Amino acid sequence: MPAGHLALFYRDSEEYLDAISSFVAPALAAGEPVAIAVPGTRKLSLVREALGDDAAEVELLDMAELGRNPARIISAIQGMIDQGGGCLHYVGEPIWPGRSAEEIREATRHEALINLAWPGREVRVLCPYDAAQLDDAILADAELTHPDVMRDGRLAASPSYRGPAPPEVCEAPLPDPPADSVALTFDAGELKHIRALVAEQAAMAGLHPKRTAELVLAVNELTTNSVKHAGIGGRLYLWSEPGEVICQVQDTGRMIDPLAGRRRGRPGAGGFGLWMVNQLCDLVEVRTGGAGSTVRVHARGSTAAPGAR
C-alpha cells in the first residue's frame, strides 16, 4: 500500500491549487521527486503558475494524454519511482468532467489498484476530484478506493475504504457487441486471417493507418494470448462507433493477477502482452471470472461517418 493515497474533493480553483501546493511543498523543500498529472493545458497552466519558480523542479504531465487509457498510469508512475531520489510525491487526476462512463469505470479501477501497486515503496499520492461537477456516485466510489479523503480543507479517514478491490461498478458486465458487428470464432490457424480482417475493417472505418497498425498489433497480442493460455482459442468481435474502432476478444481463460498489464514485464514473461495492448490502445476494458475473460479495446482517430461498420 502506498505511504499515502488521498482523495481531494475540491470545489474551485483556489481550493484545488492550495491543496496541491501544500501537498508538494514538503517534498520540494526536501529535494524529493514530485510529479503532477492533471488534465488539459488550462489546468497545467494554473498549476505551473501556482508553483512559480518551483515548477522547474516538478515533472508536469497532461493526464488527458498520460491517462487516456487509465491502465497505463501505474506503469508510468512505476517508472518515476524506479528513478529513485527519495519518496515520490505524485498528484494524479484521472477522472474529470467530460470523461465517458467507460473511461470513468476504468479510472476508478485504477484508483483501487493503486493500493497494491507498490508494496514497500515510498510514494505519496494525491488524487483531485472536482466535487462541484462530478456526479455523487463518482465521489462515493472515490471514498471506496482512497484510505483518506480531504473535504473542505479537513483530512479524515474514509469509512468506506475497501482496499484494492475495485467498486462493483467496475465489474459490471460489458454491454453486448452490436448485432451487426463482425464476429469470428478463432484458433491458432486463424491468427493470420484475423490480422488481415482487423486491418481491412479498420481501414474501411477510416482509422488512420498508424492507428490501424497499432490496433492490428494489439488484437494479435490478445488473440495469441487466447490461443496460448486458454488453449482452444476464443471469439473476436469487431465494430466501429463514431470516431473509433472497437475490438473484443473473449476466451475461457481467467486472469489471476489484478495488476496484469499495468506493470511492465519482460518480453515473453506473463503480462507483457497485455501491457503492450494498454500502450497501444486508447481504452482497454477487462472483465474476468470463472466463465473466462473478455478484453475490449478502443482505437480512436477514425474519419469515418458515424455508424460506419
C-alpha atoms as a PDB file:
ATOM      1  CA  MET A   1       0.000   0.000   0.000  1.00  0.00           C
ATOM      2  CA  PRO A   2       1.312   3.494  -0.762  1.00  0.00           C
ATOM      3  CA  ALA A   3       2.726   5.644   2.029  1.00  0.00           C
ATOM      4  CA  GLY A   4      -0.324   7.809   1.399  1.00  0.00           C
ATOM      5  CA  HIS A   5      -3.253   7.713  -1.024  1.00  0.00           C
ATOM      6  CA  LEU A   6      -5.525  10.688  -0.574  1.00  0.00           C
ATOM      7  CA  ALA A   7      -8.611  11.882  -2.466  1.00  0.00           C
ATOM      8  CA  LEU A   8      -9.076  15.644  -2.612  1.00  0.00           C
ATOM      9  CA  PHE A   9     -12.655  16.841  -3.146  1.00  0.00           C
ATOM     10  CA  TYR A  10     -12.344  20.425  -4.365  1.00  0.00           C
ATOM     11  CA  ARG A  11     -14.966  22.944  -5.499  1.00  0.00           C
ATOM     12  CA  ASP A  12     -12.976  25.775  -7.057  1.00  0.00           C
ATOM     13  CA  SER A  13      -9.558  26.613  -8.464  1.00  0.00           C
ATOM     14  CA  GLU A  14      -8.354  28.242  -5.260  1.00  0.00           C
ATOM     15  CA  GLU A  15      -9.056  25.172  -3.151  1.00  0.00           C
ATOM     16  CA  TYR A  16      -7.553  22.971  -5.867  1.00  0.00           C
ATOM     17  CA  LEU A  17      -4.283  24.881  -6.149  1.00  0.00           C
ATOM     18  CA  ASP A  18      -3.898  25.430  -2.405  1.00  0.00           C
ATOM     19  CA  ALA A  19      -4.223  21.711  -1.720  1.00  0.00           C
ATOM     20  CA  ILE A  20      -1.785  20.701  -4.461  1.00  0.00           C
ATOM     21  CA  SER A  21       0.758  23.305  -3.356  1.00  0.00           C
ATOM     22  CA  SER A  22       0.513  22.190   0.278  1.00  0.00           C
ATOM     23  CA  PHE A  23       0.879  18.535  -0.719  1.00  0.00           C
ATOM     24  CA  VAL A  24       4.080  19.034  -2.725  1.00  0.00           C
ATOM     25  CA  ALA A  25       5.711  21.745  -0.576  1.00  0.00           C
ATOM     26  CA  PRO A  26       7.440  19.356   1.899  1.00  0.00           C
ATOM     27  CA  ALA A  27       8.826  17.301  -0.991  1.00  0.00           C
ATOM     28  CA  LEU A  28      10.191  20.349  -2.765  1.00  0.00           C
ATOM     29  CA  ALA A  29      11.800  21.568   0.472  1.00  0.00           C
ATOM     30  CA  ALA A  30      13.428  18.158   0.957  1.00  0.00           C
ATOM     31  CA  GLY A  31      14.573  17.858  -2.660  1.00  0.00           C
ATOM     32  CA  GLU A  32      12.432  14.770  -3.262  1.00  0.00           C
ATOM     33  CA  PRO A  33      10.840  13.955  -6.639  1.00  0.00           C
ATOM     34  CA  VAL A  34       7.461  15.476  -7.485  1.00  0.00           C
ATOM     35  CA  ALA A  35       5.198  14.683 -10.443  1.00  0.00           C
ATOM     36  CA  ILE A  36       1.848  16.291 -11.187  1.00  0.00           C
ATOM     37  CA  ALA A  37      -0.527  14.942 -13.853  1.00  0.00           C
ATOM     38  CA  VAL A  38      -3.689  16.993 -14.423  1.00  0.00           C
ATOM     39  CA  PRO A  39      -5.988  17.052 -17.459  1.00  0.00           C
ATOM     40  CA  GLY A  40      -5.553  19.696 -20.129  1.00  0.00           C
ATOM     41  CA  THR A  41      -3.397  22.718 -20.814  1.00  0.00           C
ATOM     42  CA  ARG A  42      -5.574  25.069 -18.751  1.00  0.00           C
ATOM     43  CA  LYS A  43      -5.069  23.126 -15.524  1.00  0.00           C
ATOM     44  CA  LEU A  44      -1.406  22.584 -16.276  1.00  0.00           C
ATOM     45  CA  SER A  45      -1.017  26.345 -16.697  1.00  0.00           C
ATOM     46  CA  LEU A  46      -2.804  27.030 -13.407  1.00  0.00           C
ATOM     47  CA  VAL A  47      -0.579  24.562 -11.550  1.00  0.00           C
ATOM     48  CA  ARG A  48       2.580  25.905 -13.172  1.00  0.00           C
ATOM     49  CA  GLU A  49       1.644  29.456 -12.201  1.00  0.00           C
ATOM     50  CA  ALA A  50       0.800  28.425  -8.619  1.00  0.00           C
ATOM     51  CA  LEU A  51       4.167  26.673  -8.231  1.00  0.00           C
ATOM     52  CA  GLY A  52       6.127  29.678  -9.502  1.00  0.00           C
ATOM     53  CA  ASP A  53       9.866  29.058  -9.589  1.00  0.00           C
ATOM     54  CA  ASP A  54       9.342  25.589  -8.079  1.00  0.00           C
ATOM     55  CA  ALA A  55       7.664  24.451 -11.304  1.00  0.00           C
ATOM     56  CA  ALA A  56      11.122  23.827 -12.765  1.00  0.00           C
ATOM     57  CA  GLU A  57      11.648  21.098 -10.138  1.00  0.00           C
ATOM     58  CA  VAL A  58       8.369  19.308 -10.911  1.00  0.00           C
ATOM     59  CA  GLU A  59       7.530  16.849 -13.681  1.00  0.00           C
ATOM     60  CA  LEU A  60       4.296  18.268 -15.129  1.00  0.00           C
ATOM     61  CA  LEU A  61       2.197  15.913 -17.273  1.00  0.00           C
ATOM     62  CA  ASP A  62      -1.079  16.165 -19.153  1.00  0.00           C
ATOM     63  CA  MET A  63      -3.326  13.463 -17.704  1.00  0.00           C
ATOM     64  CA  ALA A  64      -5.553  13.668 -20.777  1.00  0.00           C
ATOM     65  CA  GLU A  65      -2.618  12.061 -22.613  1.00  0.00           C
ATOM     66  CA  LEU A  66      -0.932  10.021 -19.867  1.00  0.00           C
ATOM     67  CA  GLY A  67      -4.210   8.608 -18.572  1.00  0.00           C
ATOM     68  CA  ARG A  68      -6.237   8.499 -21.781  1.00  0.00           C
ATOM     69  CA  ASN A  69      -6.172   4.766 -21.131  1.00  0.00           C
ATOM     70  CA  PRO A  70      -6.161   4.614 -17.304  1.00  0.00           C
ATOM     71  CA  ALA A  71      -4.452   1.213 -17.367  1.00  0.00           C
ATOM     72  CA  ARG A  72      -1.220   2.959 -18.429  1.00  0.00           C
ATOM     73  CA  ILE A  73      -0.884   5.142 -15.340  1.00  0.00           C
ATOM     74  CA  ILE A  74       0.521   2.674 -12.802  1.00  0.00           C
ATOM     75  CA  SER A  75       3.300   1.668 -15.203  1.00  0.00           C
ATOM     76  CA  ALA A  76       4.211   5.321 -15.765  1.00  0.00           C
ATOM     77  CA  ILE A  77       4.359   6.026 -12.038  1.00  0.00           C
ATOM     78  CA  GLN A  78       6.449   2.887 -11.523  1.00  0.00           C
ATOM     79  CA  GLY A  79       8.989   4.350 -13.925  1.00  0.00           C
ATOM     80  CA  MET A  80       9.153   7.521 -11.830  1.00  0.00           C
ATOM     81  CA  ILE A  81       9.610   5.512  -8.619  1.00  0.00           C
ATOM     82  CA  ASP A  82      12.388   3.446 -10.172  1.00  0.00           C
ATOM     83  CA  GLN A  83      14.354   6.592 -10.968  1.00  0.00           C
ATOM     84  CA  GLY A  84      14.961   6.926  -7.220  1.00  0.00           C
ATOM     85  CA  GLY A  85      15.779  10.129  -5.381  1.00  0.00           C
ATOM     86  CA  GLY A  86      13.608   9.526  -2.323  1.00  0.00           C
ATOM     87  CA  CYS A  87       9.871   9.271  -1.774  1.00  0.00           C
ATOM     88  CA  LEU A  88       7.865  10.137  -4.902  1.00  0.00           C
ATOM     89  CA  HIS A  89       5.135  12.713  -4.321  1.00  0.00           C
ATOM     90  CA  TYR A  90       2.585  12.273  -7.099  1.00  0.00           C
ATOM     91  CA  VAL A  91      -0.566  14.254  -7.890  1.00  0.00           C
ATOM     92  CA  GLY A  92      -2.811  12.495 -10.402  1.00  0.00           C
ATOM     93  CA  GLU A  93      -6.319  13.494 -11.554  1.00  0.00           C
ATOM     94  CA  PRO A  94      -7.558  10.539 -13.651  1.00  0.00           C
ATOM     95  CA  ILE A  95     -11.271  11.438 -13.539  1.00  0.00           C
ATOM     96  CA  TRP A  96     -12.641  14.755 -14.739  1.00  0.00           C
ATOM     97  CA  PRO A  97     -15.933  16.128 -16.114  1.00  0.00           C
ATOM     98  CA  GLY A  98     -16.480  15.022 -19.692  1.00  0.00           C
ATOM     99  CA  ARG A  99     -14.869  11.588 -19.452  1.00  0.00           C
ATOM    100  CA  SER A 100     -17.052   8.789 -20.817  1.00  0.00           C
ATOM    101  CA  ALA A 101     -18.699   6.292 -18.487  1.00  0.00           C
ATOM    102  CA  GLU A 102     -16.359   3.577 -19.796  1.00  0.00           C
ATOM    103  CA  GLU A 103     -13.282   5.695 -19.088  1.00  0.00           C
ATOM    104  CA  ILE A 104     -14.511   6.582 -15.601  1.00  0.00           C
ATOM    105  CA  ARG A 105     -15.068   2.914 -14.738  1.00  0.00           C
ATOM    106  CA  GLU A 106     -11.535   2.020 -15.771  1.00  0.00           C
ATOM    107  CA  ALA A 107     -10.077   5.062 -13.993  1.00  0.00           C
ATOM    108  CA  THR A 108     -11.952   4.007 -10.852  1.00  0.00           C
ATOM    109  CA  ARG A 109     -10.440   0.524 -11.181  1.00  0.00           C
ATOM    110  CA  HIS A 110      -7.023   2.184 -11.479  1.00  0.00           C
ATOM    111  CA  GLU A 111      -7.650   4.130  -8.260  1.00  0.00           C
ATOM    112  CA  ALA A 112      -8.416   0.903  -6.397  1.00  0.00           C
ATOM    113  CA  LEU A 113      -5.378  -0.945  -7.757  1.00  0.00           C
ATOM    114  CA  ILE A 114      -3.010   1.832  -6.694  1.00  0.00           C
ATOM    115  CA  ASN A 115      -3.468   0.435  -3.191  1.00  0.00           C
ATOM    116  CA  LEU A 116      -1.496  -2.709  -4.028  1.00  0.00           C
ATOM    117  CA  ALA A 117       0.749  -1.427  -6.822  1.00  0.00           C
ATOM    118  CA  TRP A 118       3.965  -0.598  -4.945  1.00  0.00           C
ATOM    119  CA  PRO A 119       4.359  -2.678  -1.785  1.00  0.00           C
ATOM    120  CA  GLY A 120       7.233  -1.475   0.343  1.00  0.00           C
ATOM    121  CA  ARG A 121       7.979   1.547  -1.850  1.00  0.00           C
ATOM    122  CA  GLU A 122       7.815   5.142  -0.675  1.00  0.00           C
ATOM    123  CA  VAL A 123       5.191   7.071  -2.644  1.00  0.00           C
ATOM    124  CA  ARG A 124       2.552   9.616  -1.664  1.00  0.00           C
ATOM    125  CA  VAL A 125      -0.441  10.036  -3.960  1.00  0.00           C
ATOM    126  CA  LEU A 126      -2.988  12.876  -4.099  1.00  0.00           C
ATOM    127  CA  CYS A 127      -5.993  12.411  -6.404  1.00  0.00           C
ATOM    128  CA  PRO A 128      -8.116  15.529  -7.002  1.00  0.00           C
ATOM    129  CA  TYR A 129     -11.860  15.200  -7.735  1.00  0.00           C
ATOM    130  CA  ASP A 130     -13.998  18.109  -8.932  1.00  0.00           C
ATOM    131  CA  ALA A 131     -16.796  17.842  -6.358  1.00  0.00           C
ATOM    132  CA  ALA A 132     -18.692  20.733  -7.936  1.00  0.00           C
ATOM    133  CA  GLN A 133     -19.121  18.978 -11.304  1.00  0.00           C
ATOM    134  CA  LEU A 134     -18.670  15.224 -10.895  1.00  0.00           C
ATOM    135  CA  ASP A 135     -21.625  13.001 -10.028  1.00  0.00           C
ATOM    136  CA  ASP A 136     -22.106  11.995  -6.395  1.00  0.00           C
ATOM    137  CA  ALA A 137     -21.722   8.330  -7.395  1.00  0.00           C
ATOM    138  CA  ILE A 138     -18.193   9.036  -8.646  1.00  0.00           C
ATOM    139  CA  LEU A 139     -17.283  10.755  -5.382  1.00  0.00           C
ATOM    140  CA  ALA A 140     -18.752   7.841  -3.420  1.00  0.00           C
ATOM    141  CA  ASP A 141     -16.567   5.431  -5.400  1.00  0.00           C
ATOM    142  CA  ALA A 142     -13.548   7.635  -4.620  1.00  0.00           C
ATOM    143  CA  GLU A 143     -14.260   7.131  -0.925  1.00  0.00           C
ATOM    144  CA  LEU A 144     -14.195   3.357  -1.561  1.00  0.00           C
ATOM    145  CA  THR A 145     -10.779   3.498  -3.258  1.00  0.00           C
ATOM    146  CA  HIS A 146      -8.908   6.017  -1.059  1.00  0.00           C
ATOM    147  CA  PRO A 147      -7.877   5.422   2.566  1.00  0.00           C
ATOM    148  CA  ASP A 148      -8.130   9.159   3.300  1.00  0.00           C
ATOM    149  CA  VAL A 149     -10.268  11.970   1.953  1.00  0.00           C
ATOM    150  CA  MET A 150      -9.836  15.749   2.177  1.00  0.00           C
ATOM    151  CA  ARG A 151     -13.047  17.753   2.031  1.00  0.00           C
ATOM    152  CA  ASP A 152     -13.485  21.459   2.893  1.00  0.00           C
ATOM    153  CA  GLY A 153      -9.866  21.578   3.986  1.00  0.00           C
ATOM    154  CA  ARG A 154     -10.307  18.770   6.521  1.00  0.00           C
ATOM    155  CA  LEU A 155      -8.473  15.448   6.239  1.00  0.00           C
ATOM    156  CA  ALA A 156     -10.195  12.303   7.541  1.00  0.00           C
ATOM    157  CA  ALA A 157     -10.032   8.562   7.105  1.00  0.00           C
ATOM    158  CA  SER A 158     -12.619   7.261   4.676  1.00  0.00           C
ATOM    159  CA  PRO A 159     -15.080   4.978   6.496  1.00  0.00           C
ATOM    160  CA  SER A 160     -15.988   3.434   3.131  1.00  0.00           C
ATOM    161  CA  TYR A 161     -12.457   2.455   2.095  1.00  0.00           C
ATOM    162  CA  ARG A 162     -12.283  -1.140   0.823  1.00  0.00           C
ATOM    163  CA  GLY A 163      -8.632  -1.582  -0.160  1.00  0.00           C
ATOM    164  CA  PRO A 164      -7.582  -2.763  -3.618  1.00  0.00           C
ATOM    165  CA  ALA A 165     -10.943  -4.317  -4.514  1.00  0.00           C
ATOM    166  CA  PRO A 166     -12.499  -2.280  -7.338  1.00  0.00           C
ATOM    167  CA  PRO A 167     -16.019  -0.970  -6.669  1.00  0.00           C
ATOM    168  CA  GLU A 168     -18.900  -3.004  -8.066  1.00  0.00           C
ATOM    169  CA  VAL A 169     -19.430  -0.587 -10.951  1.00  0.00           C
ATOM    170  CA  CYS A 170     -16.045  -1.632 -12.347  1.00  0.00           C
ATOM    171  CA  GLU A 171     -17.092  -5.283 -12.558  1.00  0.00           C
ATOM    172  CA  ALA A 172     -20.433  -4.770 -14.304  1.00  0.00           C
ATOM    173  CA  PRO A 173     -20.595  -6.912 -17.466  1.00  0.00           C
ATOM    174  CA  LEU A 174     -19.707  -5.112 -20.673  1.00  0.00           C
ATOM    175  CA  PRO A 175     -22.628  -4.328 -22.989  1.00  0.00           C
ATOM    176  CA  ASP A 176     -23.052  -6.893 -25.753  1.00  0.00           C
ATOM    177  CA  PRO A 177     -21.357  -6.084 -29.062  1.00  0.00           C
ATOM    178  CA  PRO A 178     -23.728  -4.665 -31.690  1.00  0.00           C
ATOM    179  CA  ALA A 179     -25.767  -7.253 -33.557  1.00  0.00           C
ATOM    180  CA  ASP A 180     -24.123  -6.248 -36.851  1.00  0.00           C
ATOM    181  CA  SER A 181     -20.542  -6.462 -35.579  1.00  0.00           C
ATOM    182  CA  VAL A 182     -18.095  -8.741 -37.357  1.00  0.00           C
ATOM    183  CA  ALA A 183     -17.834 -11.947 -35.299  1.00  0.00           C
ATOM    184  CA  LEU A 184     -15.387 -14.809 -35.641  1.00  0.00           C
ATOM    185  CA  THR A 185     -14.503 -17.887 -33.584  1.00  0.00           C
ATOM    186  CA  PHE A 186     -10.761 -18.474 -33.839  1.00  0.00           C
ATOM    187  CA  ASP A 187      -7.950 -20.875 -33.045  1.00  0.00           C
ATOM    188  CA  ALA A 188      -4.236 -20.840 -33.851  1.00  0.00           C
ATOM    189  CA  GLY A 189      -4.900 -21.324 -37.538  1.00  0.00           C
ATOM    190  CA  GLU A 190      -6.980 -18.151 -37.777  1.00  0.00           C
ATOM    191  CA  LEU A 191      -4.485 -15.618 -36.385  1.00  0.00           C
ATOM    192  CA  LYS A 192      -3.140 -14.508 -39.767  1.00  0.00           C
ATOM    193  CA  HIS A 193      -6.673 -14.093 -41.075  1.00  0.00           C
ATOM    194  CA  ILE A 194      -7.626 -12.046 -38.003  1.00  0.00           C
ATOM    195  CA  ARG A 195      -4.752  -9.626 -38.577  1.00  0.00           C
ATOM    196  CA  ALA A 196      -5.882  -9.084 -42.161  1.00  0.00           C
ATOM    197  CA  LEU A 197      -9.524  -8.763 -41.102  1.00  0.00           C
ATOM    198  CA  VAL A 198      -8.782  -6.135 -38.448  1.00  0.00           C
ATOM    199  CA  ALA A 199      -6.641  -4.146 -40.875  1.00  0.00           C
ATOM    200  CA  GLU A 200      -9.354  -4.287 -43.539  1.00  0.00           C
ATOM    201  CA  GLN A 201     -12.214  -3.340 -41.235  1.00  0.00           C
ATOM    202  CA  ALA A 202     -10.251  -0.529 -39.548  1.00  0.00           C
ATOM    203  CA  ALA A 203      -9.316   0.939 -42.934  1.00  0.00           C
ATOM    204  CA  MET A 204     -12.947   0.751 -44.061  1.00  0.00           C
ATOM    205  CA  ALA A 205     -13.957   2.620 -40.901  1.00  0.00           C
ATOM    206  CA  GLY A 206     -11.485   5.390 -41.705  1.00  0.00           C
ATOM    207  CA  LEU A 207      -8.969   4.708 -38.950  1.00  0.00           C
ATOM    208  CA  HIS A 208      -5.628   6.432 -39.510  1.00  0.00           C
ATOM    209  CA  PRO A 209      -3.058   3.987 -40.949  1.00  0.00           C
ATOM    210  CA  LYS A 210      -0.766   4.335 -37.927  1.00  0.00           C
ATOM    211  CA  ARG A 211      -3.635   3.630 -35.544  1.00  0.00           C
ATOM    212  CA  THR A 212      -4.720   0.734 -37.754  1.00  0.00           C
ATOM    213  CA  ALA A 213      -1.257  -0.852 -37.468  1.00  0.00           C
ATOM    214  CA  GLU A 214      -1.308  -0.389 -33.681  1.00  0.00           C
ATOM    215  CA  LEU A 215      -4.773  -1.920 -33.401  1.00  0.00           C
ATOM    216  CA  VAL A 216      -3.718  -4.914 -35.512  1.00  0.00           C
ATOM    217  CA  LEU A 217      -0.727  -5.456 -33.209  1.00  0.00           C
ATOM    218  CA  ALA A 218      -2.889  -5.153 -30.073  1.00  0.00           C
ATOM    219  CA  VAL A 219      -5.503  -7.610 -31.329  1.00  0.00           C
ATOM    220  CA  ASN A 220      -2.779 -10.012 -32.433  1.00  0.00           C
ATOM    221  CA  GLU A 221      -1.388  -9.971 -28.876  1.00  0.00           C
ATOM    222  CA  LEU A 222      -4.823 -10.670 -27.402  1.00  0.00           C
ATOM    223  CA  THR A 223      -5.734 -13.470 -29.789  1.00  0.00           C
ATOM    224  CA  THR A 224      -2.281 -15.052 -29.473  1.00  0.00           C
ATOM    225  CA  ASN A 225      -2.666 -14.980 -25.686  1.00  0.00           C
ATOM    226  CA  SER A 226      -6.073 -16.649 -26.017  1.00  0.00           C
ATOM    227  CA  VAL A 227      -4.577 -19.483 -28.035  1.00  0.00           C
ATOM    228  CA  LYS A 228      -1.588 -19.793 -25.703  1.00  0.00           C
ATOM    229  CA  HIS A 229      -3.323 -19.587 -22.321  1.00  0.00           C
ATOM    230  CA  ALA A 230      -6.912 -20.672 -22.935  1.00  0.00           C
ATOM    231  CA  GLY A 231      -5.716 -23.447 -25.217  1.00  0.00           C
ATOM    232  CA  ILE A 232      -8.733 -23.514 -27.515  1.00  0.00           C
ATOM    233  CA  GLY A 233      -8.703 -20.010 -28.894  1.00  0.00           C
ATOM    234  CA  GLY A 234     -11.665 -17.714 -28.423  1.00  0.00           C
ATOM    235  CA  ARG A 235     -14.091 -15.362 -30.114  1.00  0.00           C
ATOM    236  CA  LEU A 236     -13.461 -11.997 -31.740  1.00  0.00           C
ATOM    237  CA  TYR A 237     -15.939  -9.161 -32.275  1.00  0.00           C
ATOM    238  CA  LEU A 238     -15.128  -6.076 -34.326  1.00  0.00           C
ATOM    239  CA  TRP A 239     -17.181  -2.933 -34.923  1.00  0.00           C
ATOM    240  CA  SER A 240     -16.929   0.833 -35.158  1.00  0.00           C
ATOM    241  CA  GLU A 241     -18.551   3.757 -33.393  1.00  0.00           C
ATOM    242  CA  PRO A 242     -18.236   7.446 -34.264  1.00  0.00           C
ATOM    243  CA  GLY A 243     -14.530   8.270 -34.133  1.00  0.00           C
ATOM    244  CA  GLU A 244     -13.259   4.851 -33.032  1.00  0.00           C
ATOM    245  CA  VAL A 245     -12.894   1.181 -33.873  1.00  0.00           C
ATOM    246  CA  ILE A 246     -13.580  -1.387 -31.150  1.00  0.00           C
ATOM    247  CA  CYS A 247     -12.383  -4.982 -30.911  1.00  0.00           C
ATOM    248  CA  GLN A 248     -13.379  -7.518 -28.285  1.00  0.00           C
ATOM    249  CA  VAL A 249     -11.587 -10.790 -27.603  1.00  0.00           C
ATOM    250  CA  GLN A 250     -13.044 -13.343 -25.212  1.00  0.00           C
ATOM    251  CA  ASP A 251     -11.910 -16.794 -24.162  1.00  0.00           C
ATOM    252  CA  THR A 252     -12.239 -19.307 -21.329  1.00  0.00           C
ATOM    253  CA  GLY A 253      -9.017 -18.277 -19.559  1.00  0.00           C
ATOM    254  CA  ARG A 254      -9.024 -16.355 -16.295  1.00  0.00           C
ATOM    255  CA  MET A 255      -6.676 -13.540 -15.267  1.00  0.00           C
ATOM    256  CA  ILE A 256      -5.455 -14.063 -11.716  1.00  0.00           C
ATOM    257  CA  ASP A 257      -3.217 -11.006 -11.241  1.00  0.00           C
ATOM    258  CA  PRO A 258      -5.343  -7.826 -10.921  1.00  0.00           C
ATOM    259  CA  LEU A 259      -2.295  -5.798 -11.993  1.00  0.00           C
ATOM    260  CA  ALA A 260      -1.743  -7.795 -15.179  1.00  0.00           C
ATOM    261  CA  GLY A 261      -0.797  -5.411 -17.959  1.00  0.00           C
ATOM    262  CA  ARG A 262      -0.368  -2.467 -15.597  1.00  0.00           C
ATOM    263  CA  ARG A 263       3.260  -3.161 -14.717  1.00  0.00           C
ATOM    264  CA  ARG A 264       5.847  -3.549 -17.420  1.00  0.00           C
ATOM    265  CA  GLY A 265       7.335  -7.016 -17.581  1.00  0.00           C
ATOM    266  CA  ARG A 266       9.918  -8.596 -19.828  1.00  0.00           C
ATOM    267  CA  PRO A 267       9.047  -9.790 -23.354  1.00  0.00           C
ATOM    268  CA  GLY A 268       7.969 -13.413 -23.065  1.00  0.00           C
ATOM    269  CA  ALA A 269       7.052 -13.034 -19.395  1.00  0.00           C
ATOM    270  CA  GLY A 270       3.489 -13.072 -18.106  1.00  0.00           C
ATOM    271  CA  GLY A 271       1.580  -9.835 -18.532  1.00  0.00           C
ATOM    272  CA  PHE A 272       3.868  -8.253 -21.126  1.00  0.00           C
ATOM    273  CA  GLY A 273       1.416  -8.738 -23.992  1.00  0.00           C
ATOM    274  CA  LEU A 274      -1.433  -7.061 -22.116  1.00  0.00           C
ATOM    275  CA  TRP A 275       0.936  -4.272 -21.044  1.00  0.00           C
ATOM    276  CA  MET A 276       1.712  -3.647 -24.715  1.00  0.00           C
ATOM    277  CA  VAL A 277      -2.008  -3.663 -25.555  1.00  0.00           C
ATOM    278  CA  ASN A 278      -2.513  -0.971 -22.911  1.00  0.00           C
ATOM    279  CA  GLN A 279       0.198   1.162 -24.503  1.00  0.00           C
ATOM    280  CA  LEU A 280      -1.258   0.789 -27.997  1.00  0.00           C
ATOM    281  CA  CYS A 281      -4.953   1.403 -27.327  1.00  0.00           C
ATOM    282  CA  ASP A 282      -6.911   4.447 -26.206  1.00  0.00           C
ATOM    283  CA  LEU A 283      -9.025   2.468 -23.747  1.00  0.00           C
ATOM    284  CA  VAL A 284      -8.857  -1.137 -22.559  1.00  0.00           C
ATOM    285  CA  GLU A 285     -11.727  -2.731 -20.634  1.00  0.00           C
ATOM    286  CA  VAL A 286     -11.147  -6.079 -18.921  1.00  0.00           C
ATOM    287  CA  ARG A 287     -13.615  -8.429 -17.278  1.00  0.00           C
ATOM    288  CA  THR A 288     -12.512 -11.802 -15.912  1.00  0.00           C
ATOM    289  CA  GLY A 289     -14.113 -14.519 -13.817  1.00  0.00           C
ATOM    290  CA  GLY A 290     -14.983 -18.178 -13.634  1.00  0.00           C
ATOM    291  CA  ALA A 291     -16.542 -18.202 -17.104  1.00  0.00           C
ATOM    292  CA  GLY A 292     -13.451 -16.697 -18.735  1.00  0.00           C
ATOM    293  CA  SER A 293     -12.088 -13.311 -19.749  1.00  0.00           C
ATOM    294  CA  THR A 294     -13.201 -10.523 -22.052  1.00  0.00           C
ATOM    295  CA  VAL A 295     -10.914  -7.715 -23.226  1.00  0.00           C
ATOM    296  CA  ARG A 296     -12.413  -4.821 -25.186  1.00  0.00           C
ATOM    297  CA  VAL A 297     -10.022  -2.353 -26.819  1.00  0.00           C
ATOM    298  CA  HIS A 298     -10.766   1.037 -28.371  1.00  0.00           C
ATOM    299  CA  ALA A 299      -8.655   2.703 -31.075  1.00  0.00           C
ATOM    300  CA  ARG A 300      -9.539   6.317 -31.864  1.00  0.00           C
ATOM    301  CA  GLY A 301      -8.699   8.525 -34.795  1.00  0.00           C
ATOM    302  CA  SER A 302     -11.419   7.482 -37.215  1.00  0.00           C
ATOM    303  CA  THR A 303     -12.521   9.747 -40.021  1.00  0.00           C
ATOM    304  CA  ALA A 304     -15.471   7.536 -40.910  1.00  0.00           C
ATOM    305  CA  ALA A 305     -19.041   8.693 -40.995  1.00  0.00           C
ATOM    306  CA  PRO A 306     -20.895   8.000 -37.729  1.00  0.00           C
ATOM    307  CA  GLY A 307     -22.111   4.444 -37.504  1.00  0.00           C
ATOM    308  CA  ALA A 308     -19.948   3.093 -40.326  1.00  0.00           C
ATOM    309  CA  ARG A 309     -19.272  -0.629 -39.935  1.00  0.00           C
END
